[in-house]
Amino acid sequence: MGCYKLPLSFGMLAAMEPTPSASFEPAGAGALLGGVTVTCIAVGALIGWAAGSVGLGILAGAFIGIPLGVFVVYRRYRDSI
């Protein structure tokens, strides 16, 4: 038996068009927004608990978390908007 050489195109797929690097996913954006906001609220509650006022800590965490969450979603999906 001899050694058989296959042509270079054997088994290779045709070239594909590149896909966009970031496609907008509403569920992913909502999860990211909620996750960042809840994390900031939790950190604010911990800081507020340490300072003596959990309620004010939660309020401060929400006050910081909502705009921060919007910014993070914008940065993540800015190429698809």
N, C-alpha and C. Protein backbone atom coordinates (compact mmCIF):
# COMPACT_ATOMS: atom_id res chain seq x y z
N MET A 1 0.83 -1.18 0.00
CA MET A 1 0.00 0.00 0.00
C MET A 1 0.87 1.24 0.00
N GLY A 2 0.45 2.18 -0.80
CA GLY A 2 1.20 3.41 -0.90
C GLY A 2 0.61 4.51 -0.05
N CYS A 3 1.29 5.58 0.02
CA CYS A 3 0.83 6.74 0.78
C CYS A 3 0.02 7.63 -0.17
N TYR A 4 -1.17 7.95 0.24
CA TYR A 4 -2.03 8.79 -0.59
C TYR A 4 -2.06 10.20 -0.03
N LYS A 5 -1.90 11.18 -0.90
CA LYS A 5 -1.99 12.58 -0.48
C LYS A 5 -3.33 13.12 -0.94
N LEU A 6 -4.03 13.76 -0.04
CA LEU A 6 -5.31 14.35 -0.35
C LEU A 6 -5.11 15.79 -0.78
N PRO A 7 -5.97 16.29 -1.66
CA PRO A 7 -5.85 17.70 -2.04
C PRO A 7 -6.10 18.60 -0.84
N LEU A 8 -5.54 19.81 -0.87
CA LEU A 8 -5.67 20.73 0.25
C LEU A 8 -7.12 21.09 0.56
N SER A 9 -7.97 21.11 -0.42
CA SER A 9 -9.35 21.52 -0.19
C SER A 9 -10.19 20.40 0.42
N PHE A 10 -9.63 19.23 0.57
CA PHE A 10 -10.40 18.12 1.11
C PHE A 10 -10.72 18.37 2.59
N GLY A 11 -11.99 18.30 2.92
CA GLY A 11 -12.41 18.45 4.30
C GLY A 11 -12.44 19.87 4.82
N MET A 12 -12.09 20.85 4.01
CA MET A 12 -12.10 22.22 4.49
C MET A 12 -13.45 22.85 4.17
N LEU A 13 -13.93 23.64 5.06
CA LEU A 13 -15.20 24.31 4.86
C LEU A 13 -14.99 25.59 4.06
N ALA A 14 -16.05 26.02 3.42
CA ALA A 14 -15.99 27.27 2.68
C ALA A 14 -15.83 28.44 3.66
N ALA A 15 -15.23 29.50 3.20
CA ALA A 15 -15.03 30.68 4.04
C ALA A 15 -16.38 31.25 4.45
N MET A 16 -16.47 31.65 5.70
CA MET A 16 -17.72 32.22 6.21
C MET A 16 -17.54 33.72 6.41
N GLU A 17 -18.66 34.43 6.35
CA GLU A 17 -18.59 35.86 6.60
C GLU A 17 -18.47 36.09 8.10
N PRO A 18 -17.72 37.09 8.50
CA PRO A 18 -17.58 37.33 9.93
C PRO A 18 -18.90 37.81 10.54
N THR A 19 -19.16 37.40 11.75
CA THR A 19 -20.35 37.84 12.45
C THR A 19 -20.03 39.08 13.25
N PRO A 20 -21.03 39.89 13.54
CA PRO A 20 -20.76 41.08 14.36
C PRO A 20 -20.21 40.68 15.72
N SER A 21 -19.30 41.47 16.24
CA SER A 21 -18.64 41.11 17.49
C SER A 21 -19.60 41.15 18.68
N ALA A 22 -20.54 42.05 18.67
CA ALA A 22 -21.48 42.15 19.78
C ALA A 22 -22.89 42.31 19.22
N SER A 23 -23.73 41.35 19.50
CA SER A 23 -25.12 41.49 19.11
C SER A 23 -25.93 41.78 20.37
N PHE A 24 -26.94 42.59 20.23
CA PHE A 24 -27.72 43.02 21.38
C PHE A 24 -28.63 41.89 21.84
N GLU A 25 -28.54 41.54 23.10
CA GLU A 25 -29.38 40.52 23.70
C GLU A 25 -30.15 41.18 24.84
N PRO A 26 -31.46 41.40 24.68
CA PRO A 26 -32.22 42.09 25.74
C PRO A 26 -32.17 41.37 27.09
N ALA A 27 -32.26 40.05 27.09
CA ALA A 27 -32.22 39.31 28.36
C ALA A 27 -30.86 39.46 29.03
N GLY A 28 -29.79 39.42 28.24
CA GLY A 28 -28.46 39.60 28.80
C GLY A 28 -28.25 41.01 29.34
N ALA A 29 -28.79 41.99 28.63
CA ALA A 29 -28.67 43.37 29.09
C ALA A 29 -29.44 43.58 30.39
N GLY A 30 -30.63 42.99 30.48
CA GLY A 30 -31.42 43.10 31.70
C GLY A 30 -30.76 42.41 32.87
N ALA A 31 -30.18 41.25 32.62
CA ALA A 31 -29.49 40.53 33.69
C ALA A 31 -28.26 41.30 34.16
N LEU A 32 -27.54 41.88 33.22
CA LEU A 32 -26.37 42.68 33.58
C LEU A 32 -26.76 43.91 34.39
N LEU A 33 -27.81 44.60 33.95
CA LEU A 33 -28.30 45.77 34.67
C LEU A 33 -28.76 45.39 36.08
N GLY A 34 -29.54 44.32 36.19
CA GLY A 34 -30.01 43.88 37.50
C GLY A 34 -28.89 43.41 38.39
N GLY A 35 -27.94 42.69 37.83
CA GLY A 35 -26.83 42.19 38.63
C GLY A 35 -25.97 43.29 39.20
N VAL A 36 -25.66 44.27 38.38
CA VAL A 36 -24.84 45.40 38.86
C VAL A 36 -25.60 46.20 39.91
N THR A 37 -26.89 46.43 39.68
CA THR A 37 -27.69 47.20 40.63
C THR A 37 -27.82 46.48 41.97
N VAL A 38 -28.12 45.18 41.92
CA VAL A 38 -28.26 44.42 43.17
C VAL A 38 -26.93 44.33 43.91
N THR A 39 -25.84 44.19 43.18
CA THR A 39 -24.53 44.15 43.82
C THR A 39 -24.23 45.46 44.54
N CYS A 40 -24.52 46.58 43.89
CA CYS A 40 -24.29 47.88 44.52
C CYS A 40 -25.19 48.07 45.74
N ILE A 41 -26.43 47.61 45.66
CA ILE A 41 -27.34 47.72 46.81
C ILE A 41 -26.82 46.86 47.97
N ALA A 42 -26.33 45.66 47.66
CA ALA A 42 -25.81 44.79 48.72
C ALA A 42 -24.57 45.39 49.38
N VAL A 43 -23.68 45.94 48.56
CA VAL A 43 -22.49 46.58 49.12
C VAL A 43 -22.88 47.80 49.95
N GLY A 44 -23.85 48.56 49.45
CA GLY A 44 -24.34 49.71 50.22
C GLY A 44 -24.97 49.29 51.53
N ALA A 45 -25.70 48.17 51.53
CA ALA A 45 -26.31 47.68 52.77
C ALA A 45 -25.24 47.26 53.76
N LEU A 46 -24.19 46.61 53.28
CA LEU A 46 -23.10 46.22 54.18
C LEU A 46 -22.39 47.43 54.78
N ILE A 47 -22.15 48.42 53.93
CA ILE A 47 -21.50 49.64 54.43
C ILE A 47 -22.43 50.37 55.40
N GLY A 48 -23.71 50.42 55.05
CA GLY A 48 -24.69 51.05 55.95
C GLY A 48 -24.82 50.31 57.27
N TRP A 49 -24.76 48.98 57.22
CA TRP A 49 -24.83 48.18 58.45
C TRP A 49 -23.62 48.49 59.33
N ALA A 50 -22.46 48.58 58.70
CA ALA A 50 -21.25 48.89 59.47
C ALA A 50 -21.30 50.31 60.05
N ALA A 51 -21.97 51.22 59.32
CA ALA A 51 -22.05 52.60 59.77
C ALA A 51 -23.23 52.84 60.71
N GLY A 52 -24.16 51.87 60.79
CA GLY A 52 -25.28 52.02 61.72
C GLY A 52 -26.62 52.28 61.09
N SER A 53 -26.74 52.34 59.77
CA SER A 53 -28.02 52.59 59.12
C SER A 53 -28.10 51.80 57.82
N VAL A 54 -28.72 50.62 57.92
CA VAL A 54 -28.83 49.75 56.73
C VAL A 54 -29.70 50.41 55.67
N GLY A 55 -30.77 51.08 56.07
CA GLY A 55 -31.68 51.72 55.12
C GLY A 55 -31.00 52.77 54.26
N LEU A 56 -30.20 53.60 54.90
CA LEU A 56 -29.48 54.62 54.14
C LEU A 56 -28.42 53.99 53.24
N GLY A 57 -27.83 52.90 53.69
CA GLY A 57 -26.86 52.19 52.86
C GLY A 57 -27.51 51.60 51.62
N ILE A 58 -28.71 51.03 51.78
CA ILE A 58 -29.45 50.50 50.63
C ILE A 58 -29.82 51.63 49.67
N LEU A 59 -30.26 52.74 50.22
CA LEU A 59 -30.61 53.89 49.37
C LEU A 59 -29.40 54.41 48.61
N ALA A 60 -28.28 54.52 49.28
CA ALA A 60 -27.06 54.99 48.60
C ALA A 60 -26.61 53.97 47.55
N GLY A 61 -26.71 52.68 47.86
CA GLY A 61 -26.34 51.66 46.89
C GLY A 61 -27.21 51.71 45.65
N ALA A 62 -28.52 51.93 45.82
CA ALA A 62 -29.41 52.04 44.67
C ALA A 62 -29.12 53.31 43.89
N PHE A 63 -28.83 54.39 44.62
CA PHE A 63 -28.53 55.67 43.97
C PHE A 63 -27.29 55.57 43.09
N ILE A 64 -26.32 54.79 43.51
CA ILE A 64 -25.10 54.58 42.73
C ILE A 64 -25.28 53.44 41.72
N GLY A 65 -25.99 52.39 42.11
CA GLY A 65 -26.09 51.18 41.30
C GLY A 65 -26.87 51.34 40.01
N ILE A 66 -27.95 52.10 40.02
CA ILE A 66 -28.77 52.23 38.80
C ILE A 66 -27.98 52.92 37.68
N PRO A 67 -27.40 54.11 37.91
CA PRO A 67 -26.61 54.71 36.82
C PRO A 67 -25.38 53.87 36.44
N LEU A 68 -24.76 53.23 37.42
CA LEU A 68 -23.61 52.38 37.12
C LEU A 68 -24.04 51.19 36.26
N GLY A 69 -25.19 50.61 36.56
CA GLY A 69 -25.70 49.51 35.76
C GLY A 69 -25.99 49.93 34.33
N VAL A 70 -26.59 51.09 34.16
CA VAL A 70 -26.86 51.60 32.82
C VAL A 70 -25.55 51.82 32.06
N PHE A 71 -24.55 52.36 32.73
CA PHE A 71 -23.26 52.59 32.11
C PHE A 71 -22.60 51.27 31.69
N VAL A 72 -22.66 50.27 32.55
CA VAL A 72 -22.05 48.98 32.24
C VAL A 72 -22.74 48.34 31.04
N VAL A 73 -24.08 48.41 30.98
CA VAL A 73 -24.81 47.85 29.83
C VAL A 73 -24.44 48.62 28.56
N TYR A 74 -24.34 49.93 28.67
CA TYR A 74 -23.96 50.72 27.50
C TYR A 74 -22.57 50.33 27.00
N ARG A 75 -21.62 50.18 27.92
CA ARG A 75 -20.26 49.81 27.53
C ARG A 75 -20.22 48.43 26.90
N ARG A 76 -21.03 47.50 27.41
CA ARG A 76 -21.04 46.13 26.90
C ARG A 76 -21.65 46.05 25.50
N TYR A 77 -22.72 46.80 25.27
CA TYR A 77 -23.45 46.69 24.02
C TYR A 77 -23.32 47.93 23.14
N ARG A 78 -22.30 48.74 23.33
CA ARG A 78 -22.19 49.99 22.56
C ARG A 78 -21.97 49.75 21.06
N ASP A 79 -21.36 48.63 20.68
CA ASP A 79 -21.13 48.37 19.25
C ASP A 79 -22.40 47.94 18.52
N SER A 80 -23.39 47.46 19.24
CA SER A 80 -24.59 46.98 18.58
C SER A 80 -25.73 47.99 18.63
N ILE A 81 -25.51 49.12 19.29
CA ILE A 81 -26.57 50.15 19.39
C ILE A 81 -26.43 51.12 18.25
